[in-house]
Amino acid sequence: MRLTEITYAEAMPIESYGPGFFRVGGHLLRGASLITPWDAGGWGGVDDLDTLLSLAGRIDVLLMGMGKEISWPPASLRQRLDEVGIGVEPMSSPAACRTYNVLLSEGRRISAALLPLG
């Protein structure tokens, strides 16, 4: 089997995560975080819809890491994001981190909104 090195161009992959933190681009983020190919920082959680809406036109899919276990974000959040053309994929935060890195390496227009573990 031939293996190829994953490259991310200028984008920042998620390097690691643990209880209460995410490491992106060498920076440690504590608490809920929003990761895009061009930036990474804090996020106000599922009540912070305006921050997610600001991604309209820049991403196609938002991976929502809902913490240690998968759960569904509020229906109103999913509906509003769908109205502006952003698909929402809820999953656990570990799964969202892994999926984000794979899709990022493919050059996809994605973002990850992550709730911390524990």
PDB file of N, CA and C in Angstrom:
ATOM      1  N   MET A   1       0.848  -1.165   0.000  1.00  0.00           N
ATOM      2  CA  MET A   1       0.000   0.000   0.000  1.00  0.00           C
ATOM      3  C   MET A   1       0.895   1.229   0.000  1.00  0.00           C
ATOM      4  N   ARG A   2       0.558   2.197  -0.802  1.00  0.00           N
ATOM      5  CA  ARG A   2       1.309   3.441  -0.870  1.00  0.00           C
ATOM      6  C   ARG A   2       0.667   4.466   0.055  1.00  0.00           C
ATOM      7  N   LEU A   3       1.451   5.060   0.918  1.00  0.00           N
ATOM      8  CA  LEU A   3       0.976   6.093   1.821  1.00  0.00           C
ATOM      9  C   LEU A   3       1.483   7.443   1.346  1.00  0.00           C
ATOM     10  N   THR A   4       0.659   8.448   1.453  1.00  0.00           N
ATOM     11  CA  THR A   4       1.083   9.789   1.081  1.00  0.00           C
ATOM     12  C   THR A   4       0.940  10.704   2.287  1.00  0.00           C
ATOM     13  N   GLU A   5       1.825  11.669   2.347  1.00  0.00           N
ATOM     14  CA  GLU A   5       1.783  12.619   3.450  1.00  0.00           C
ATOM     15  C   GLU A   5       0.604  13.568   3.277  1.00  0.00           C
ATOM     16  N   ILE A   6      -0.072  13.849   4.373  1.00  0.00           N
ATOM     17  CA  ILE A   6      -1.192  14.784   4.338  1.00  0.00           C
ATOM     18  C   ILE A   6      -0.648  16.200   4.411  1.00  0.00           C
ATOM     19  N   THR A   7      -1.143  17.045   3.526  1.00  0.00           N
ATOM     20  CA  THR A   7      -0.750  18.453   3.560  1.00  0.00           C
ATOM     21  C   THR A   7      -1.998  19.310   3.717  1.00  0.00           C
ATOM     22  N   TYR A   8      -1.808  20.462   4.333  1.00  0.00           N
ATOM     23  CA  TYR A   8      -2.927  21.353   4.607  1.00  0.00           C
ATOM     24  C   TYR A   8      -2.745  22.728   3.995  1.00  0.00           C
ATOM     25  N   ALA A   9      -1.742  22.910   3.163  1.00  0.00           N
ATOM     26  CA  ALA A   9      -1.443  24.220   2.567  1.00  0.00           C
ATOM     27  C   ALA A   9      -1.312  25.251   3.684  1.00  0.00           C
ATOM     28  N   GLU A  10      -2.061  26.319   3.626  1.00  0.00           N
ATOM     29  CA  GLU A  10      -1.995  27.378   4.639  1.00  0.00           C
ATOM     30  C   GLU A  10      -2.934  27.127   5.810  1.00  0.00           C
ATOM     31  N   ALA A  11      -3.805  26.141   5.694  1.00  0.00           N
ATOM     32  CA  ALA A  11      -4.822  25.878   6.717  1.00  0.00           C
ATOM     33  C   ALA A  11      -4.207  25.257   7.972  1.00  0.00           C
ATOM     34  N   MET A  12      -4.932  25.377   9.086  1.00  0.00           N
ATOM     35  CA  MET A  12      -4.471  24.862  10.374  1.00  0.00           C
ATOM     36  C   MET A  12      -5.295  23.644  10.788  1.00  0.00           C
ATOM     37  N   PRO A  13      -4.659  22.467  10.866  1.00  0.00           N
ATOM     38  CA  PRO A  13      -5.388  21.294  11.345  1.00  0.00           C
ATOM     39  C   PRO A  13      -5.521  21.319  12.871  1.00  0.00           C
ATOM     40  N   ILE A  14      -6.424  20.504  13.359  1.00  0.00           N
ATOM     41  CA  ILE A  14      -6.555  20.314  14.801  1.00  0.00           C
ATOM     42  C   ILE A  14      -5.482  19.298  15.199  1.00  0.00           C
ATOM     43  N   GLU A  15      -4.565  19.715  16.063  1.00  0.00           N
ATOM     44  CA  GLU A  15      -3.430  18.877  16.433  1.00  0.00           C
ATOM     45  C   GLU A  15      -3.750  17.913  17.562  1.00  0.00           C
ATOM     46  N   SER A  16      -4.557  18.351  18.514  1.00  0.00           N
ATOM     47  CA  SER A  16      -4.922  17.482  19.629  1.00  0.00           C
ATOM     48  C   SER A  16      -6.101  18.086  20.380  1.00  0.00           C
ATOM     49  N   TYR A  17      -6.674  17.269  21.266  1.00  0.00           N
ATOM     50  CA  TYR A  17      -7.780  17.713  22.105  1.00  0.00           C
ATOM     51  C   TYR A  17      -7.755  16.897  23.387  1.00  0.00           C
ATOM     52  N   GLY A  18      -8.396  17.407  24.398  1.00  0.00           N
ATOM     53  CA  GLY A  18      -8.485  16.707  25.673  1.00  0.00           C
ATOM     54  C   GLY A  18      -9.545  17.377  26.525  1.00  0.00           C
ATOM     55  N   PRO A  19      -9.619  17.009  27.787  1.00  0.00           N
ATOM     56  CA  PRO A  19     -10.642  17.593  28.664  1.00  0.00           C
ATOM     57  C   PRO A  19     -10.519  19.122  28.723  1.00  0.00           C
ATOM     58  N   GLY A  20     -11.465  19.805  28.095  1.00  0.00           N
ATOM     59  CA  GLY A  20     -11.520  21.260  28.171  1.00  0.00           C
ATOM     60  C   GLY A  20     -10.659  22.026  27.194  1.00  0.00           C
ATOM     61  N   PHE A  21      -9.946  21.357  26.274  1.00  0.00           N
ATOM     62  CA  PHE A  21      -9.067  22.104  25.366  1.00  0.00           C
ATOM     63  C   PHE A  21      -8.997  21.486  23.975  1.00  0.00           C
ATOM     64  N   PHE A  22      -8.553  22.345  23.029  1.00  0.00           N
ATOM     65  CA  PHE A  22      -8.233  21.941  21.663  1.00  0.00           C
ATOM     66  C   PHE A  22      -6.927  22.639  21.310  1.00  0.00           C
ATOM     67  N   ARG A  23      -6.022  21.957  20.611  1.00  0.00           N
ATOM     68  CA  ARG A  23      -4.759  22.566  20.169  1.00  0.00           C
ATOM     69  C   ARG A  23      -4.809  22.673  18.640  1.00  0.00           C
ATOM     70  N   VAL A  24      -4.666  23.921  18.152  1.00  0.00           N
ATOM     71  CA  VAL A  24      -4.753  24.205  16.722  1.00  0.00           C
ATOM     72  C   VAL A  24      -3.626  25.169  16.361  1.00  0.00           C
ATOM     73  N   GLY A  25      -2.856  24.813  15.358  1.00  0.00           N
ATOM     74  CA  GLY A  25      -1.788  25.709  14.904  1.00  0.00           C
ATOM     75  C   GLY A  25      -0.811  26.075  16.002  1.00  0.00           C
ATOM     76  N   GLY A  26      -0.565  25.151  16.925  1.00  0.00           N
ATOM     77  CA  GLY A  26       0.361  25.400  18.021  1.00  0.00           C
ATOM     78  C   GLY A  26      -0.223  26.205  19.166  1.00  0.00           C
ATOM     79  N   HIS A  27      -1.491  26.608  19.062  1.00  0.00           N
ATOM     80  CA  HIS A  27      -2.141  27.397  20.104  1.00  0.00           C
ATOM     81  C   HIS A  27      -3.126  26.543  20.881  1.00  0.00           C
ATOM     82  N   LEU A  28      -3.176  26.750  22.163  1.00  0.00           N
ATOM     83  CA  LEU A  28      -4.100  26.030  23.035  1.00  0.00           C
ATOM     84  C   LEU A  28      -5.369  26.856  23.199  1.00  0.00           C
ATOM     85  N   LEU A  29      -6.498  26.266  22.849  1.00  0.00           N
ATOM     86  CA  LEU A  29      -7.795  26.908  23.001  1.00  0.00           C
ATOM     87  C   LEU A  29      -8.541  26.203  24.118  1.00  0.00           C
ATOM     88  N   ARG A  30      -9.047  26.956  25.069  1.00  0.00           N
ATOM     89  CA  ARG A  30      -9.795  26.371  26.183  1.00  0.00           C
ATOM     90  C   ARG A  30     -11.279  26.637  25.995  1.00  0.00           C
ATOM     91  N   GLY A  31     -12.092  25.643  26.286  1.00  0.00           N
ATOM     92  CA  GLY A  31     -13.535  25.797  26.171  1.00  0.00           C
ATOM     93  C   GLY A  31     -14.029  25.600  24.752  1.00  0.00           C
ATOM     94  N   ALA A  32     -15.273  26.025  24.518  1.00  0.00           N
ATOM     95  CA  ALA A  32     -15.879  25.898  23.196  1.00  0.00           C
ATOM     96  C   ALA A  32     -15.047  26.686  22.182  1.00  0.00           C
ATOM     97  N   SER A  33     -14.825  26.069  21.010  1.00  0.00           N
ATOM     98  CA  SER A  33     -13.939  26.663  20.013  1.00  0.00           C
ATOM     99  C   SER A  33     -14.521  26.559  18.615  1.00  0.00           C
ATOM    100  N   LEU A  34     -14.200  27.545  17.788  1.00  0.00           N
ATOM    101  CA  LEU A  34     -14.583  27.544  16.387  1.00  0.00           C
ATOM    102  C   LEU A  34     -13.311  27.498  15.559  1.00  0.00           C
ATOM    103  N   ILE A  35     -13.198  26.455  14.737  1.00  0.00           N
ATOM    104  CA  ILE A  35     -12.005  26.247  13.931  1.00  0.00           C
ATOM    105  C   ILE A  35     -12.393  26.384  12.462  1.00  0.00           C
ATOM    106  N   THR A  36     -11.676  27.233  11.748  1.00  0.00           N
ATOM    107  CA  THR A  36     -11.864  27.381  10.303  1.00  0.00           C
ATOM    108  C   THR A  36     -10.495  27.176   9.648  1.00  0.00           C
ATOM    109  N   PRO A  37     -10.457  27.003   8.346  1.00  0.00           N
ATOM    110  CA  PRO A  37      -9.149  26.874   7.693  1.00  0.00           C
ATOM    111  C   PRO A  37      -8.264  28.111   7.855  1.00  0.00           C
ATOM    112  N   TRP A  38      -8.868  29.265   8.151  1.00  0.00           N
ATOM    113  CA  TRP A  38      -8.096  30.508   8.225  1.00  0.00           C
ATOM    114  C   TRP A  38      -7.953  31.068   9.640  1.00  0.00           C
ATOM    115  N   ASP A  39      -8.647  30.484  10.636  1.00  0.00           N
ATOM    116  CA  ASP A  39      -8.594  31.037  11.985  1.00  0.00           C
ATOM    117  C   ASP A  39      -9.074  30.000  12.997  1.00  0.00           C
ATOM    118  N   ALA A  40      -8.736  30.220  14.243  1.00  0.00           N
ATOM    119  CA  ALA A  40      -9.213  29.368  15.337  1.00  0.00           C
ATOM    120  C   ALA A  40      -9.319  30.236  16.581  1.00  0.00           C
ATOM    121  N   GLY A  41     -10.425  30.073  17.306  1.00  0.00           N
ATOM    122  CA  GLY A  41     -10.598  30.873  18.511  1.00  0.00           C
ATOM    123  C   GLY A  41     -11.784  30.398  19.316  1.00  0.00           C
ATOM    124  N   GLY A  42     -12.119  31.161  20.322  1.00  0.00           N
ATOM    125  CA  GLY A  42     -13.235  30.823  21.182  1.00  0.00           C
ATOM    126  C   GLY A  42     -14.568  30.966  20.467  1.00  0.00           C
ATOM    127  N   TRP A  43     -15.546  30.258  20.991  1.00  0.00           N
ATOM    128  CA  TRP A  43     -16.901  30.297  20.451  1.00  0.00           C
ATOM    129  C   TRP A  43     -17.857  30.277  21.634  1.00  0.00           C
ATOM    130  N   GLY A  44     -18.961  30.963  21.552  1.00  0.00           N
ATOM    131  CA  GLY A  44     -19.908  31.079  22.650  1.00  0.00           C
ATOM    132  C   GLY A  44     -20.832  29.889  22.844  1.00  0.00           C
ATOM    133  N   GLY A  45     -20.638  28.799  22.104  1.00  0.00           N
ATOM    134  CA  GLY A  45     -21.477  27.614  22.233  1.00  0.00           C
ATOM    135  C   GLY A  45     -22.731  27.706  21.382  1.00  0.00           C
ATOM    136  N   VAL A  46     -23.645  26.776  21.577  1.00  0.00           N
ATOM    137  CA  VAL A  46     -24.806  26.674  20.686  1.00  0.00           C
ATOM    138  C   VAL A  46     -25.719  27.897  20.727  1.00  0.00           C
ATOM    139  N   ASP A  47     -25.571  28.768  21.713  1.00  0.00           N
ATOM    140  CA  ASP A  47     -26.354  30.001  21.745  1.00  0.00           C
ATOM    141  C   ASP A  47     -25.722  31.116  20.917  1.00  0.00           C
ATOM    142  N   ASP A  48     -24.504  30.900  20.410  1.00  0.00           N
ATOM    143  CA  ASP A  48     -23.767  31.899  19.645  1.00  0.00           C
ATOM    144  C   ASP A  48     -23.988  31.679  18.145  1.00  0.00           C
ATOM    145  N   LEU A  49     -25.204  31.907  17.697  1.00  0.00           N
ATOM    146  CA  LEU A  49     -25.557  31.688  16.301  1.00  0.00           C
ATOM    147  C   LEU A  49     -24.928  32.722  15.378  1.00  0.00           C
ATOM    148  N   ASP A  50     -24.805  33.962  15.818  1.00  0.00           N
ATOM    149  CA  ASP A  50     -24.272  35.026  14.952  1.00  0.00           C
ATOM    150  C   ASP A  50     -22.868  34.701  14.452  1.00  0.00           C
ATOM    151  N   THR A  51     -22.032  34.145  15.306  1.00  0.00           N
ATOM    152  CA  THR A  51     -20.672  33.787  14.886  1.00  0.00           C
ATOM    153  C   THR A  51     -20.718  32.745  13.782  1.00  0.00           C
ATOM    154  N   LEU A  52     -21.601  31.768  13.910  1.00  0.00           N
ATOM    155  CA  LEU A  52     -21.720  30.730  12.888  1.00  0.00           C
ATOM    156  C   LEU A  52     -22.298  31.296  11.597  1.00  0.00           C
ATOM    157  N   LEU A  53     -23.273  32.190  11.704  1.00  0.00           N
ATOM    158  CA  LEU A  53     -23.856  32.810  10.508  1.00  0.00           C
ATOM    159  C   LEU A  53     -22.837  33.644   9.740  1.00  0.00           C
ATOM    160  N   SER A  54     -21.841  34.166  10.436  1.00  0.00           N
ATOM    161  CA  SER A  54     -20.812  34.964   9.760  1.00  0.00           C
ATOM    162  C   SER A  54     -19.976  34.127   8.790  1.00  0.00           C
ATOM    163  N   LEU A  55     -20.093  32.800   8.870  1.00  0.00           N
ATOM    164  CA  LEU A  55     -19.356  31.911   7.971  1.00  0.00           C
ATOM    165  C   LEU A  55     -20.080  31.683   6.647  1.00  0.00           C
ATOM    166  N   ALA A  56     -21.312  32.181   6.513  1.00  0.00           N
ATOM    167  CA  ALA A  56     -22.098  31.983   5.290  1.00  0.00           C
ATOM    168  C   ALA A  56     -21.320  32.484   4.081  1.00  0.00           C
ATOM    169  N   GLY A  57     -21.307  31.672   3.036  1.00  0.00           N
ATOM    170  CA  GLY A  57     -20.580  32.006   1.816  1.00  0.00           C
ATOM    171  C   GLY A  57     -19.115  31.597   1.848  1.00  0.00           C
ATOM    172  N   ARG A  58     -18.597  31.273   3.032  1.00  0.00           N
ATOM    173  CA  ARG A  58     -17.190  30.890   3.161  1.00  0.00           C
ATOM    174  C   ARG A  58     -17.018  29.390   3.380  1.00  0.00           C
ATOM    175  N   ILE A  59     -18.067  28.740   3.917  1.00  0.00           N
ATOM    176  CA  ILE A  59     -18.016  27.298   4.136  1.00  0.00           C
ATOM    177  C   ILE A  59     -19.296  26.660   3.604  1.00  0.00           C
ATOM    178  N   ASP A  60     -19.212  25.357   3.364  1.00  0.00           N
ATOM    179  CA  ASP A  60     -20.377  24.593   2.935  1.00  0.00           C
ATOM    180  C   ASP A  60     -20.934  23.734   4.062  1.00  0.00           C
ATOM    181  N   VAL A  61     -20.033  23.259   4.929  1.00  0.00           N
ATOM    182  CA  VAL A  61     -20.434  22.335   5.988  1.00  0.00           C
ATOM    183  C   VAL A  61     -19.821  22.759   7.313  1.00  0.00           C
ATOM    184  N   LEU A  62     -20.638  22.711   8.360  1.00  0.00           N
ATOM    185  CA  LEU A  62     -20.180  22.961   9.722  1.00  0.00           C
ATOM    186  C   LEU A  62     -20.251  21.647  10.489  1.00  0.00           C
ATOM    187  N   LEU A  63     -19.110  21.174  10.950  1.00  0.00           N
ATOM    188  CA  LEU A  63     -19.057  19.995  11.809  1.00  0.00           C
ATOM    189  C   LEU A  63     -19.286  20.477  13.227  1.00  0.00           C
ATOM    190  N   MET A  64     -20.325  19.987  13.880  1.00  0.00           N
ATOM    191  CA  MET A  64     -20.624  20.416  15.247  1.00  0.00           C
ATOM    192  C   MET A  64     -20.240  19.308  16.209  1.00  0.00           C
ATOM    193  N   GLY A  65     -19.135  19.525  16.904  1.00  0.00           N
ATOM    194  CA  GLY A  65     -18.701  18.598  17.934  1.00  0.00           C
ATOM    195  C   GLY A  65     -19.444  18.919  19.218  1.00  0.00           C
ATOM    196  N   MET A  66     -20.319  18.022  19.640  1.00  0.00           N
ATOM    197  CA  MET A  66     -21.226  18.289  20.751  1.00  0.00           C
ATOM    198  C   MET A  66     -20.687  17.812  22.101  1.00  0.00           C
ATOM    199  N   GLY A  67     -19.382  17.618  22.206  1.00  0.00           N
ATOM    200  CA  GLY A  67     -18.780  17.169  23.458  1.00  0.00           C
ATOM    201  C   GLY A  67     -18.382  15.705  23.373  1.00  0.00           C
ATOM    202  N   LYS A  68     -18.352  15.063  24.514  1.00  0.00           N
ATOM    203  CA  LYS A  68     -17.900  13.672  24.584  1.00  0.00           C
ATOM    204  C   LYS A  68     -18.817  12.725  23.817  1.00  0.00           C
ATOM    205  N   GLU A  69     -20.105  12.980  23.876  1.00  0.00           N
ATOM    206  CA  GLU A  69     -21.100  12.135  23.211  1.00  0.00           C
ATOM    207  C   GLU A  69     -21.841  12.946  22.149  1.00  0.00           C
ATOM    208  N   ILE A  70     -22.347  12.261  21.154  1.00  0.00           N
ATOM    209  CA  ILE A  70     -23.135  12.933  20.131  1.00  0.00           C
ATOM    210  C   ILE A  70     -24.483  13.355  20.710  1.00  0.00           C
ATOM    211  N   SER A  71     -24.906  14.534  20.354  1.00  0.00           N
ATOM    212  CA  SER A  71     -26.242  15.023  20.685  1.00  0.00           C
ATOM    213  C   SER A  71     -26.633  15.981  19.570  1.00  0.00           C
ATOM    214  N   TRP A  72     -27.877  16.372  19.550  1.00  0.00           N
ATOM    215  CA  TRP A  72     -28.362  17.233  18.483  1.00  0.00           C
ATOM    216  C   TRP A  72     -28.363  18.697  18.919  1.00  0.00           C
ATOM    217  N   PRO A  73     -27.822  19.576  18.082  1.00  0.00           N
ATOM    218  CA  PRO A  73     -27.940  21.013  18.379  1.00  0.00           C
ATOM    219  C   PRO A  73     -29.401  21.427  18.219  1.00  0.00           C
ATOM    220  N   PRO A  74     -29.783  22.570  18.758  1.00  0.00           N
ATOM    221  CA  PRO A  74     -31.175  23.012  18.643  1.00  0.00           C
ATOM    222  C   PRO A  74     -31.640  23.056  17.184  1.00  0.00           C
ATOM    223  N   ALA A  75     -32.887  22.656  16.966  1.00  0.00           N
ATOM    224  CA  ALA A  75     -33.453  22.649  15.615  1.00  0.00           C
ATOM    225  C   ALA A  75     -33.430  24.044  14.995  1.00  0.00           C
ATOM    226  N   SER A  76     -33.643  25.070  15.802  1.00  0.00           N
ATOM    227  CA  SER A  76     -33.641  26.444  15.279  1.00  0.00           C
ATOM    228  C   SER A  76     -32.257  26.819  14.735  1.00  0.00           C
ATOM    229  N   LEU A  77     -31.203  26.361  15.377  1.00  0.00           N
ATOM    230  CA  LEU A  77     -29.835  26.622  14.907  1.00  0.00           C
ATOM    231  C   LEU A  77     -29.611  25.916  13.573  1.00  0.00           C
ATOM    232  N   ARG A  78     -29.965  24.649  13.498  1.00  0.00           N
ATOM    233  CA  ARG A  78     -29.786  23.888  12.257  1.00  0.00           C
ATOM    234  C   ARG A  78     -30.581  24.518  11.113  1.00  0.00           C
ATOM    235  N   GLN A  79     -31.818  24.928  11.392  1.00  0.00           N
ATOM    236  CA  GLN A  79     -32.669  25.516  10.360  1.00  0.00           C
ATOM    237  C   GLN A  79     -32.088  26.833   9.861  1.00  0.00           C
ATOM    238  N   ARG A  80     -31.653  27.681  10.758  1.00  0.00           N
ATOM    239  CA  ARG A  80     -31.114  28.990  10.361  1.00  0.00           C
ATOM    240  C   ARG A  80     -29.833  28.839   9.531  1.00  0.00           C
ATOM    241  N   LEU A  81     -28.956  27.910   9.922  1.00  0.00           N
ATOM    242  CA  LEU A  81     -27.735  27.680   9.148  1.00  0.00           C
ATOM    243  C   LEU A  81     -28.062  27.124   7.770  1.00  0.00           C
ATOM    244  N   ASP A  82     -29.046  26.236   7.706  1.00  0.00           N
ATOM    245  CA  ASP A  82     -29.470  25.682   6.423  1.00  0.00           C
ATOM    246  C   ASP A  82     -29.994  26.793   5.509  1.00  0.00           C
ATOM    247  N   GLU A  83     -30.709  27.753   6.066  1.00  0.00           N
ATOM    248  CA  GLU A  83     -31.250  28.873   5.282  1.00  0.00           C
ATOM    249  C   GLU A  83     -30.159  29.703   4.614  1.00  0.00           C
ATOM    250  N   VAL A  84     -28.967  29.764   5.230  1.00  0.00           N
ATOM    251  CA  VAL A  84     -27.867  30.544   4.640  1.00  0.00           C
ATOM    252  C   VAL A  84     -26.878  29.666   3.881  1.00  0.00           C
ATOM    253  N   GLY A  85     -27.247  28.388   3.677  1.00  0.00           N
ATOM    254  CA  GLY A  85     -26.421  27.509   2.854  1.00  0.00           C
ATOM    255  C   GLY A  85     -25.327  26.758   3.576  1.00  0.00           C
ATOM    256  N   ILE A  86     -25.431  26.641   4.890  1.00  0.00           N
ATOM    257  CA  ILE A  86     -24.425  25.898   5.659  1.00  0.00           C
ATOM    258  C   ILE A  86     -25.057  24.601   6.155  1.00  0.00           C
ATOM    259  N   GLY A  87     -24.539  23.476   5.688  1.00  0.00           N
ATOM    260  CA  GLY A  87     -24.990  22.180   6.176  1.00  0.00           C
ATOM    261  C   GLY A  87     -24.395  21.912   7.547  1.00  0.00           C
ATOM    262  N   VAL A  88     -25.144  21.273   8.420  1.00  0.00           N
ATOM    263  CA  VAL A  88     -24.691  20.992   9.788  1.00  0.00           C
ATOM    264  C   VAL A  88     -24.593  19.488   9.974  1.00  0.00           C
ATOM    265  N   GLU A  89     -23.441  19.028  10.469  1.00  0.00           N
ATOM    266  CA  GLU A  89     -23.212  17.616  10.751  1.00  0.00           C
ATOM    267  C   GLU A  89     -22.860  17.472  12.230  1.00  0.00           C
ATOM    268  N   PRO A  90     -23.833  17.137  13.077  1.00  0.00           N
ATOM    269  CA  PRO A  90     -23.526  16.945  14.499  1.00  0.00           C
ATOM    270  C   PRO A  90     -22.843  15.604  14.740  1.00  0.00           C
ATOM    271  N   MET A  91     -21.886  15.600  15.652  1.00  0.00           N
ATOM    272  CA  MET A  91     -21.160  14.394  16.038  1.00  0.00           C
ATOM    273  C   MET A  91     -20.462  14.670  17.363  1.00  0.00           C
ATOM    274  N   SER A  92     -19.805  13.684  17.908  1.00  0.00           N
ATOM    275  CA  SER A  92     -19.017  13.936  19.117  1.00  0.00           C
ATOM    276  C   SER A  92     -17.836  14.827  18.734  1.00  0.00           C
ATOM    277  N   SER A  93     -17.277  15.532  19.701  1.00  0.00           N
ATOM    278  CA  SER A  93     -16.136  16.410  19.400  1.00  0.00           C
ATOM    279  C   SER A  93     -14.913  15.639  18.904  1.00  0.00           C
ATOM    280  N   PRO A  94     -14.570  14.466  19.479  1.00  0.00           N
ATOM    281  CA  PRO A  94     -13.443  13.717  18.907  1.00  0.00           C
ATOM    282  C   PRO A  94     -13.660  13.345  17.436  1.00  0.00           C
ATOM    283  N   ALA A  95     -14.868  12.904  17.097  1.00  0.00           N
ATOM    284  CA  ALA A  95     -15.160  12.562  15.704  1.00  0.00           C
ATOM    285  C   ALA A  95     -15.094  13.802  14.815  1.00  0.00           C
ATOM    286  N   ALA A  96     -15.580  14.936  15.314  1.00  0.00           N
ATOM    287  CA  ALA A  96     -15.537  16.178  14.540  1.00  0.00           C
ATOM    288  C   ALA A  96     -14.099  16.611  14.272  1.00  0.00           C
ATOM    289  N   CYS A  97     -13.216  16.459  15.254  1.00  0.00           N
ATOM    290  CA  CYS A  97     -11.800  16.816  15.064  1.00  0.00           C
ATOM    291  C   CYS A  97     -11.168  15.964  13.967  1.00  0.00           C
ATOM    292  N   ARG A  98     -11.393  14.667  14.026  1.00  0.00           N
ATOM    293  CA  ARG A  98     -10.821  13.762  13.018  1.00  0.00           C
ATOM    294  C   ARG A  98     -11.396  14.057  11.631  1.00  0.00           C
ATOM    295  N   THR A  99     -12.702  14.220  11.558  1.00  0.00           N
ATOM    296  CA  THR A  99     -13.352  14.479  10.278  1.00  0.00           C
ATOM    297  C   THR A  99     -12.899  15.810   9.691  1.00  0.00           C
ATOM    298  N   TYR A 100     -12.770  16.820  10.545  1.00  0.00           N
ATOM    299  CA  TYR A 100     -12.305  18.138  10.099  1.00  0.00           C
ATOM    300  C   TYR A 100     -10.946  18.012   9.412  1.00  0.00           C
ATOM    301  N   ASN A 101     -10.008  17.318  10.039  1.00  0.00           N
ATOM    302  CA  ASN A 101      -8.668  17.203   9.464  1.00  0.00           C
ATOM    303  C   ASN A 101      -8.676  16.477   8.123  1.00  0.00           C
ATOM    304  N   VAL A 102      -9.473  15.428   8.004  1.00  0.00           N
ATOM    305  CA  VAL A 102      -9.552  14.697   6.734  1.00  0.00           C
ATOM    306  C   VAL A 102     -10.118  15.596   5.634  1.00  0.00           C
ATOM    307  N   LEU A 103     -11.246  16.251   5.923  1.00  0.00           N
ATOM    308  CA  LEU A 103     -11.866  17.115   4.914  1.00  0.00           C
ATOM    309  C   LEU A 103     -11.007  18.332   4.608  1.00  0.00           C
ATOM    310  N   LEU A 104     -10.310  18.845   5.598  1.00  0.00           N
ATOM    311  CA  LEU A 104      -9.398  19.968   5.389  1.00  0.00           C
ATOM    312  C   LEU A 104      -8.283  19.577   4.421  1.00  0.00           C
ATOM    313  N   SER A 105      -7.750  18.372   4.571  1.00  0.00           N
ATOM    314  CA  SER A 105      -6.678  17.911   3.684  1.00  0.00           C
ATOM    315  C   SER A 105      -7.163  17.754   2.242  1.00  0.00           C
ATOM    316  N   GLU A 106      -8.472  17.598   2.061  1.00  0.00           N
ATOM    317  CA  GLU A 106      -9.057  17.494   0.728  1.00  0.00           C
ATOM    318  C   GLU A 106      -9.411  18.863   0.149  1.00  0.00           C
ATOM    319  N   GLY A 107      -9.157  19.919   0.914  1.00  0.00           N
ATOM    320  CA  GLY A 107      -9.438  21.272   0.443  1.00  0.00           C
ATOM    321  C   GLY A 107     -10.904  21.656   0.508  1.00  0.00           C
ATOM    322  N   ARG A 108     -11.680  20.971   1.314  1.00  0.00           N
ATOM    323  CA  ARG A 108     -13.117  21.242   1.421  1.00  0.00           C
ATOM    324  C   ARG A 108     -13.373  22.530   2.197  1.00  0.00           C
ATOM    325  N   ARG A 109     -14.510  23.158   1.943  1.00  0.00           N
ATOM    326  CA  ARG A 109     -14.922  24.409   2.611  1.00  0.00           C
ATOM    327  C   ARG A 109     -15.699  24.045   3.868  1.00  0.00           C
ATOM    328  N   ILE A 110     -14.960  23.852   4.958  1.00  0.00           N
ATOM    329  CA  ILE A 110     -15.556  23.366   6.199  1.00  0.00           C
ATOM    330  C   ILE A 110     -15.124  24.206   7.382  1.00  0.00           C
ATOM    331  N   SER A 111     -15.816  23.986   8.472  1.00  0.00           N
ATOM    332  CA  SER A 111     -15.472  24.567   9.767  1.00  0.00           C
ATOM    333  C   SER A 111     -15.903  23.583  10.835  1.00  0.00           C
ATOM    334  N   ALA A 112     -15.322  23.719  12.028  1.00  0.00           N
ATOM    335  CA  ALA A 112     -15.709  22.876  13.152  1.00  0.00           C
ATOM    336  C   ALA A 112     -16.039  23.758  14.346  1.00  0.00           C
ATOM    337  N   ALA A 113     -17.247  23.609  14.855  1.00  0.00           N
ATOM    338  CA  ALA A 113     -17.671  24.281  16.088  1.00  0.00           C
ATOM    339  C   ALA A 113     -17.674  23.198  17.161  1.00  0.00           C
ATOM    340  N   LEU A 114     -16.780  23.344  18.138  1.00  0.00           N
ATOM    341  CA  LEU A 114     -16.508  22.250  19.067  1.00  0.00           C
ATOM    342  C   LEU A 114     -16.815  22.605  20.516  1.00  0.00           C
ATOM    343  N   LEU A 115     -17.609  21.778  21.156  1.00  0.00           N
ATOM    344  CA  LEU A 115     -17.806  21.883  22.600  1.00  0.00           C
ATOM    345  C   LEU A 115     -16.769  20.987  23.256  1.00  0.00           C
ATOM    346  N   PRO A 116     -16.205  21.410  24.381  1.00  0.00           N
ATOM    347  CA  PRO A 116     -15.114  20.651  24.996  1.00  0.00           C
ATOM    348  C   PRO A 116     -15.585  19.321  25.611  1.00  0.00           C
ATOM    349  N   LEU A 117     -14.625  18.461  25.813  1.00  0.00           N
ATOM    350  CA  LEU A 117     -14.880  17.189  26.489  1.00  0.00           C
ATOM    351  C   LEU A 117     -14.842  17.435  27.979  1.00  0.00           C
ATOM    352  N   GLY A 118     -15.787  16.901  28.680  1.00  0.00           N
ATOM    353  CA  GLY A 118     -15.778  16.948  30.140  1.00  0.00           C
ATOM    354  C   GLY A 118     -15.773  18.264  30.810  1.00  0.00           C
TER     355      GLY A 118
END
